[in-house]
């Protein structure tokens, strides 16, 4: 019997949460994401990658966004056009940039991981308020299924240009 690739949901789906600016926010965001992606029946490989991306984006916001007391972090996940978008909004206007962490540095690799794992990522101003939203996108079809669908000889010598940051936002 031939294998079939799951067809992504053509209708956009979205979930949002407002979370406090505390050390427990990243684990809470991961738990909310896992629950929602399970309800949406998102592939496990895609969900695991999305969880890592969300964790890095939330941690980056907690560490670097000097937000006033009482401000919350917004988390948004959405599916559209065969893609999963993970987004974190905070009240800081400074745009995040990946940096080269030294071998002995304990941190500084979060955005480098985001850049490596996401097909696209970027930052945009928040539409209704101060601050920014940093986002990352993945295809809903896992990479392992995409690789299996392309014969090995078809990908030889073709550079992967899909992992560059994108300044545009949906």
C-alpha atoms as a PDB file:
ATOM      1  CA  UNK A   1       0.000   0.000   0.000  1.00  0.00           C
ATOM      2  CA  UNK A   2       1.528   3.407  -0.958  1.00  0.00           C
ATOM      3  CA  UNK A   3       2.282   5.919   1.782  1.00  0.00           C
ATOM      4  CA  UNK A   4       0.429   9.203   1.751  1.00  0.00           C
ATOM      5  CA  UNK A   5       1.542  12.565   3.013  1.00  0.00           C
ATOM      6  CA  UNK A   6      -0.946  14.296   5.317  1.00  0.00           C
ATOM      7  CA  UNK A   7      -2.699  17.233   3.679  1.00  0.00           C
ATOM      8  CA  UNK A   8      -2.278  20.423   5.713  1.00  0.00           C
ATOM      9  CA  UNK A   9      -5.445  22.138   6.885  1.00  0.00           C
ATOM     10  CA  UNK A  10      -6.238  24.819   4.265  1.00  0.00           C
ATOM     11  CA  UNK A  11      -8.112  27.004   6.780  1.00  0.00           C
ATOM     12  CA  UNK A  12      -6.049  29.250   9.029  1.00  0.00           C
ATOM     13  CA  UNK A  13      -6.140  28.223  12.669  1.00  0.00           C
ATOM     14  CA  UNK A  14      -4.900  30.406  15.513  1.00  0.00           C
ATOM     15  CA  UNK A  15      -4.391  30.332  19.275  1.00  0.00           C
ATOM     16  CA  UNK A  16      -3.087  33.145  21.488  1.00  0.00           C
ATOM     17  CA  UNK A  17      -2.070  33.451  25.117  1.00  0.00           C
ATOM     18  CA  UNK A  18      -0.902  36.308  27.357  1.00  0.00           C
ATOM     19  CA  UNK A  19       1.734  35.116  29.815  1.00  0.00           C
ATOM     20  CA  UNK A  20       3.455  36.878  32.721  1.00  0.00           C
ATOM     21  CA  UNK A  21       7.090  37.931  32.533  1.00  0.00           C
ATOM     22  CA  UNK A  22       8.378  35.272  34.987  1.00  0.00           C
ATOM     23  CA  UNK A  23      10.875  32.385  34.960  1.00  0.00           C
ATOM     24  CA  UNK A  24       7.943  29.921  34.688  1.00  0.00           C
ATOM     25  CA  UNK A  25       6.701  31.448  31.439  1.00  0.00           C
ATOM     26  CA  UNK A  26       8.792  29.336  29.035  1.00  0.00           C
ATOM     27  CA  UNK A  27       7.662  25.974  30.487  1.00  0.00           C
ATOM     28  CA  UNK A  28       4.050  27.194  30.563  1.00  0.00           C
ATOM     29  CA  UNK A  29       4.251  28.353  26.931  1.00  0.00           C
ATOM     30  CA  UNK A  30       5.678  24.961  25.883  1.00  0.00           C
ATOM     31  CA  UNK A  31       2.854  23.121  27.670  1.00  0.00           C
ATOM     32  CA  UNK A  32       0.187  25.302  26.026  1.00  0.00           C
ATOM     33  CA  UNK A  33       1.801  24.790  22.623  1.00  0.00           C
ATOM     34  CA  UNK A  34       2.015  21.000  23.037  1.00  0.00           C
ATOM     35  CA  UNK A  35      -1.625  20.802  24.041  1.00  0.00           C
ATOM     36  CA  UNK A  36      -2.802  22.973  21.151  1.00  0.00           C
ATOM     37  CA  UNK A  37      -0.711  21.212  18.507  1.00  0.00           C
ATOM     38  CA  UNK A  38      -1.991  17.849  19.747  1.00  0.00           C
ATOM     39  CA  UNK A  39      -5.580  19.127  19.425  1.00  0.00           C
ATOM     40  CA  UNK A  40      -4.805  20.325  15.884  1.00  0.00           C
ATOM     41  CA  UNK A  41      -3.216  16.920  15.104  1.00  0.00           C
ATOM     42  CA  UNK A  42       0.078  18.486  14.030  1.00  0.00           C
ATOM     43  CA  UNK A  43       2.807  15.955  13.161  1.00  0.00           C
ATOM     44  CA  UNK A  44       5.033  15.071  16.164  1.00  0.00           C
ATOM     45  CA  UNK A  45       8.286  16.046  14.398  1.00  0.00           C
ATOM     46  CA  UNK A  46       6.871  19.471  13.487  1.00  0.00           C
ATOM     47  CA  UNK A  47       5.481  19.897  17.018  1.00  0.00           C
ATOM     48  CA  UNK A  48       8.848  19.101  18.642  1.00  0.00           C
ATOM     49  CA  UNK A  49      10.636  21.627  16.442  1.00  0.00           C
ATOM     50  CA  UNK A  50       7.933  24.225  17.117  1.00  0.00           C
ATOM     51  CA  UNK A  51       8.320  23.638  20.841  1.00  0.00           C
ATOM     52  CA  UNK A  52      12.060  24.299  20.667  1.00  0.00           C
ATOM     53  CA  UNK A  53      11.492  27.416  18.551  1.00  0.00           C
ATOM     54  CA  UNK A  54       8.884  28.749  20.978  1.00  0.00           C
ATOM     55  CA  UNK A  55      11.119  28.039  23.954  1.00  0.00           C
ATOM     56  CA  UNK A  56      13.980  29.995  22.386  1.00  0.00           C
ATOM     57  CA  UNK A  57      11.759  32.930  21.402  1.00  0.00           C
ATOM     58  CA  UNK A  58      10.149  33.154  24.856  1.00  0.00           C
ATOM     59  CA  UNK A  59      13.505  32.853  26.616  1.00  0.00           C
ATOM     60  CA  UNK A  60      14.956  35.551  24.368  1.00  0.00           C
ATOM     61  CA  UNK A  61      12.049  37.830  25.249  1.00  0.00           C
ATOM     62  CA  UNK A  62      12.405  37.158  28.971  1.00  0.00           C
ATOM     63  CA  UNK A  63      16.154  37.794  28.932  1.00  0.00           C
ATOM     64  CA  UNK A  64      16.428  40.772  26.635  1.00  0.00           C
ATOM     65  CA  UNK A  65      13.105  42.617  26.621  1.00  0.00           C
ATOM     66  CA  UNK A  66      13.314  45.140  29.429  1.00  0.00           C
ATOM     67  CA  UNK A  67       9.576  45.410  29.824  1.00  0.00           C
ATOM     68  CA  UNK A  68       7.828  47.531  32.456  1.00  0.00           C
ATOM     69  CA  UNK A  69       6.347  45.707  35.455  1.00  0.00           C
ATOM     70  CA  UNK A  70       2.953  44.232  34.724  1.00  0.00           C
ATOM     71  CA  UNK A  71       3.546  43.857  30.980  1.00  0.00           C
ATOM     72  CA  UNK A  72       2.892  40.409  29.608  1.00  0.00           C
ATOM     73  CA  UNK A  73       4.383  38.389  26.787  1.00  0.00           C
ATOM     74  CA  UNK A  74       2.021  37.499  23.980  1.00  0.00           C
ATOM     75  CA  UNK A  75       2.291  34.058  22.390  1.00  0.00           C
ATOM     76  CA  UNK A  76       0.536  33.278  19.125  1.00  0.00           C
ATOM     77  CA  UNK A  77       0.552  30.121  17.031  1.00  0.00           C
ATOM     78  CA  UNK A  78      -1.185  29.839  13.697  1.00  0.00           C
ATOM     79  CA  UNK A  79      -1.438  27.536  10.721  1.00  0.00           C
ATOM     80  CA  UNK A  80      -1.941  28.855   7.208  1.00  0.00           C
ATOM     81  CA  UNK A  81      -0.940  27.862   3.677  1.00  0.00           C
ATOM     82  CA  UNK A  82       0.632  24.604   4.883  1.00  0.00           C
ATOM     83  CA  UNK A  83       2.774  26.389   7.482  1.00  0.00           C
ATOM     84  CA  UNK A  84       2.962  26.668  11.271  1.00  0.00           C
ATOM     85  CA  UNK A  85       3.889  30.071  12.688  1.00  0.00           C
ATOM     86  CA  UNK A  86       5.118  30.530  16.274  1.00  0.00           C
ATOM     87  CA  UNK A  87       5.217  34.132  17.464  1.00  0.00           C
ATOM     88  CA  UNK A  88       6.227  35.901  20.689  1.00  0.00           C
ATOM     89  CA  UNK A  89       5.377  39.557  21.303  1.00  0.00           C
ATOM     90  CA  UNK A  90       6.792  41.812  23.993  1.00  0.00           C
ATOM     91  CA  UNK A  91       6.821  45.532  24.828  1.00  0.00           C
ATOM     92  CA  UNK A  92      10.441  46.064  23.776  1.00  0.00           C
ATOM     93  CA  UNK A  93      11.102  47.785  20.437  1.00  0.00           C
ATOM     94  CA  UNK A  94      14.664  46.417  20.027  1.00  0.00           C
ATOM     95  CA  UNK A  95      14.921  43.922  17.171  1.00  0.00           C
ATOM     96  CA  UNK A  96      16.677  40.657  18.034  1.00  0.00           C
ATOM     97  CA  UNK A  97      19.786  39.685  16.093  1.00  0.00           C
ATOM     98  CA  UNK A  98      21.663  36.386  16.168  1.00  0.00           C
ATOM     99  CA  UNK A  99      25.157  36.565  17.574  1.00  0.00           C
ATOM    100  CA  UNK A 100      28.192  34.335  17.504  1.00  0.00           C
ATOM    101  CA  UNK A 101      28.510  32.756  20.947  1.00  0.00           C
ATOM    102  CA  UNK A 102      31.952  31.754  22.109  1.00  0.00           C
ATOM    103  CA  UNK A 103      32.699  28.146  23.073  1.00  0.00           C
ATOM    104  CA  UNK A 104      32.640  29.011  26.792  1.00  0.00           C
ATOM    105  CA  UNK A 105      29.527  31.215  26.661  1.00  0.00           C
ATOM    106  CA  UNK A 106      26.562  29.831  28.585  1.00  0.00           C
ATOM    107  CA  UNK A 107      24.037  31.601  26.357  1.00  0.00           C
ATOM    108  CA  UNK A 108      23.735  33.464  23.106  1.00  0.00           C
ATOM    109  CA  UNK A 109      22.757  30.593  20.834  1.00  0.00           C
ATOM    110  CA  UNK A 110      18.958  30.933  20.883  1.00  0.00           C
ATOM    111  CA  UNK A 111      18.473  32.919  17.701  1.00  0.00           C
ATOM    112  CA  UNK A 112      21.156  30.868  15.968  1.00  0.00           C
ATOM    113  CA  UNK A 113      19.027  27.790  16.739  1.00  0.00           C
ATOM    114  CA  UNK A 114      15.915  29.578  15.497  1.00  0.00           C
ATOM    115  CA  UNK A 115      17.725  30.524  12.300  1.00  0.00           C
ATOM    116  CA  UNK A 116      18.870  26.920  11.792  1.00  0.00           C
ATOM    117  CA  UNK A 117      15.530  25.218  12.526  1.00  0.00           C
ATOM    118  CA  UNK A 118      12.960  27.592  11.022  1.00  0.00           C
ATOM    119  CA  UNK A 119      12.272  27.875   7.315  1.00  0.00           C
ATOM    120  CA  UNK A 120      11.703  31.596   7.864  1.00  0.00           C
ATOM    121  CA  UNK A 121      11.918  33.851  10.878  1.00  0.00           C
ATOM    122  CA  UNK A 122      11.803  37.543  11.527  1.00  0.00           C
ATOM    123  CA  UNK A 123      10.578  40.425  13.604  1.00  0.00           C
ATOM    124  CA  UNK A 124       7.863  43.009  13.018  1.00  0.00           C
ATOM    125  CA  UNK A 125       6.257  45.834  15.002  1.00  0.00           C
ATOM    126  CA  UNK A 126       3.208  44.874  17.030  1.00  0.00           C
ATOM    127  CA  UNK A 127       0.107  45.973  15.154  1.00  0.00           C
ATOM    128  CA  UNK A 128      -1.735  47.308  18.227  1.00  0.00           C
ATOM    129  CA  UNK A 129       0.742  48.606  20.751  1.00  0.00           C
ATOM    130  CA  UNK A 130       4.343  49.151  21.605  1.00  0.00           C
ATOM    131  CA  UNK A 131       7.025  46.565  21.059  1.00  0.00           C
ATOM    132  CA  UNK A 132       7.610  43.825  18.539  1.00  0.00           C
ATOM    133  CA  UNK A 133       6.659  40.308  17.591  1.00  0.00           C
ATOM    134  CA  UNK A 134       9.411  37.810  16.786  1.00  0.00           C
ATOM    135  CA  UNK A 135       8.248  34.827  14.768  1.00  0.00           C
ATOM    136  CA  UNK A 136       9.412  31.592  13.184  1.00  0.00           C
ATOM    137  CA  UNK A 137       7.731  29.395  10.591  1.00  0.00           C
ATOM    138  CA  UNK A 138       7.850  25.699   9.727  1.00  0.00           C
ATOM    139  CA  UNK A 139       6.147  23.632   7.042  1.00  0.00           C
ATOM    140  CA  UNK A 140       3.326  21.460   8.413  1.00  0.00           C
ATOM    141  CA  UNK A 141       4.760  18.507   6.517  1.00  0.00           C
ATOM    142  CA  UNK A 142       7.813  17.260   8.437  1.00  0.00           C
ATOM    143  CA  UNK A 143      11.224  17.612   6.800  1.00  0.00           C
ATOM    144  CA  UNK A 144      11.737  13.849   6.920  1.00  0.00           C
ATOM    145  CA  UNK A 145       8.628  13.390   4.760  1.00  0.00           C
ATOM    146  CA  UNK A 146       9.799  16.148   2.402  1.00  0.00           C
ATOM    147  CA  UNK A 147      13.204  14.471   2.004  1.00  0.00           C
ATOM    148  CA  UNK A 148      11.560  11.119   1.316  1.00  0.00           C
ATOM    149  CA  UNK A 149       9.457  12.695  -1.453  1.00  0.00           C
ATOM    150  CA  UNK A 150      12.490  14.128  -3.309  1.00  0.00           C
ATOM    151  CA  UNK A 151      14.890  11.705  -5.031  1.00  0.00           C
ATOM    152  CA  UNK A 152      18.452  12.213  -3.683  1.00  0.00           C
ATOM    153  CA  UNK A 153      19.863  13.082  -7.117  1.00  0.00           C
ATOM    154  CA  UNK A 154      17.321  15.940  -7.454  1.00  0.00           C
ATOM    155  CA  UNK A 155      18.818  17.843  -4.512  1.00  0.00           C
ATOM    156  CA  UNK A 156      22.509  17.571  -5.398  1.00  0.00           C
ATOM    157  CA  UNK A 157      24.231  20.890  -5.960  1.00  0.00           C
ATOM    158  CA  UNK A 158      21.197  22.988  -5.021  1.00  0.00           C
ATOM    159  CA  UNK A 159      21.860  25.435  -2.186  1.00  0.00           C
ATOM    160  CA  UNK A 160      19.207  25.741   0.520  1.00  0.00           C
ATOM    161  CA  UNK A 161      18.150  29.371   0.498  1.00  0.00           C
ATOM    162  CA  UNK A 162      14.870  28.884   2.381  1.00  0.00           C
ATOM    163  CA  UNK A 163      16.360  29.372   5.843  1.00  0.00           C
ATOM    164  CA  UNK A 164      17.146  33.060   5.541  1.00  0.00           C
ATOM    165  CA  UNK A 165      15.410  35.501   7.914  1.00  0.00           C
ATOM    166  CA  UNK A 166      12.484  37.313   6.366  1.00  0.00           C
ATOM    167  CA  UNK A 167      11.539  40.858   7.360  1.00  0.00           C
ATOM    168  CA  UNK A 168       7.960  40.302   6.173  1.00  0.00           C
ATOM    169  CA  UNK A 169       5.188  39.081   8.399  1.00  0.00           C
ATOM    170  CA  UNK A 170       1.801  37.582   7.745  1.00  0.00           C
END
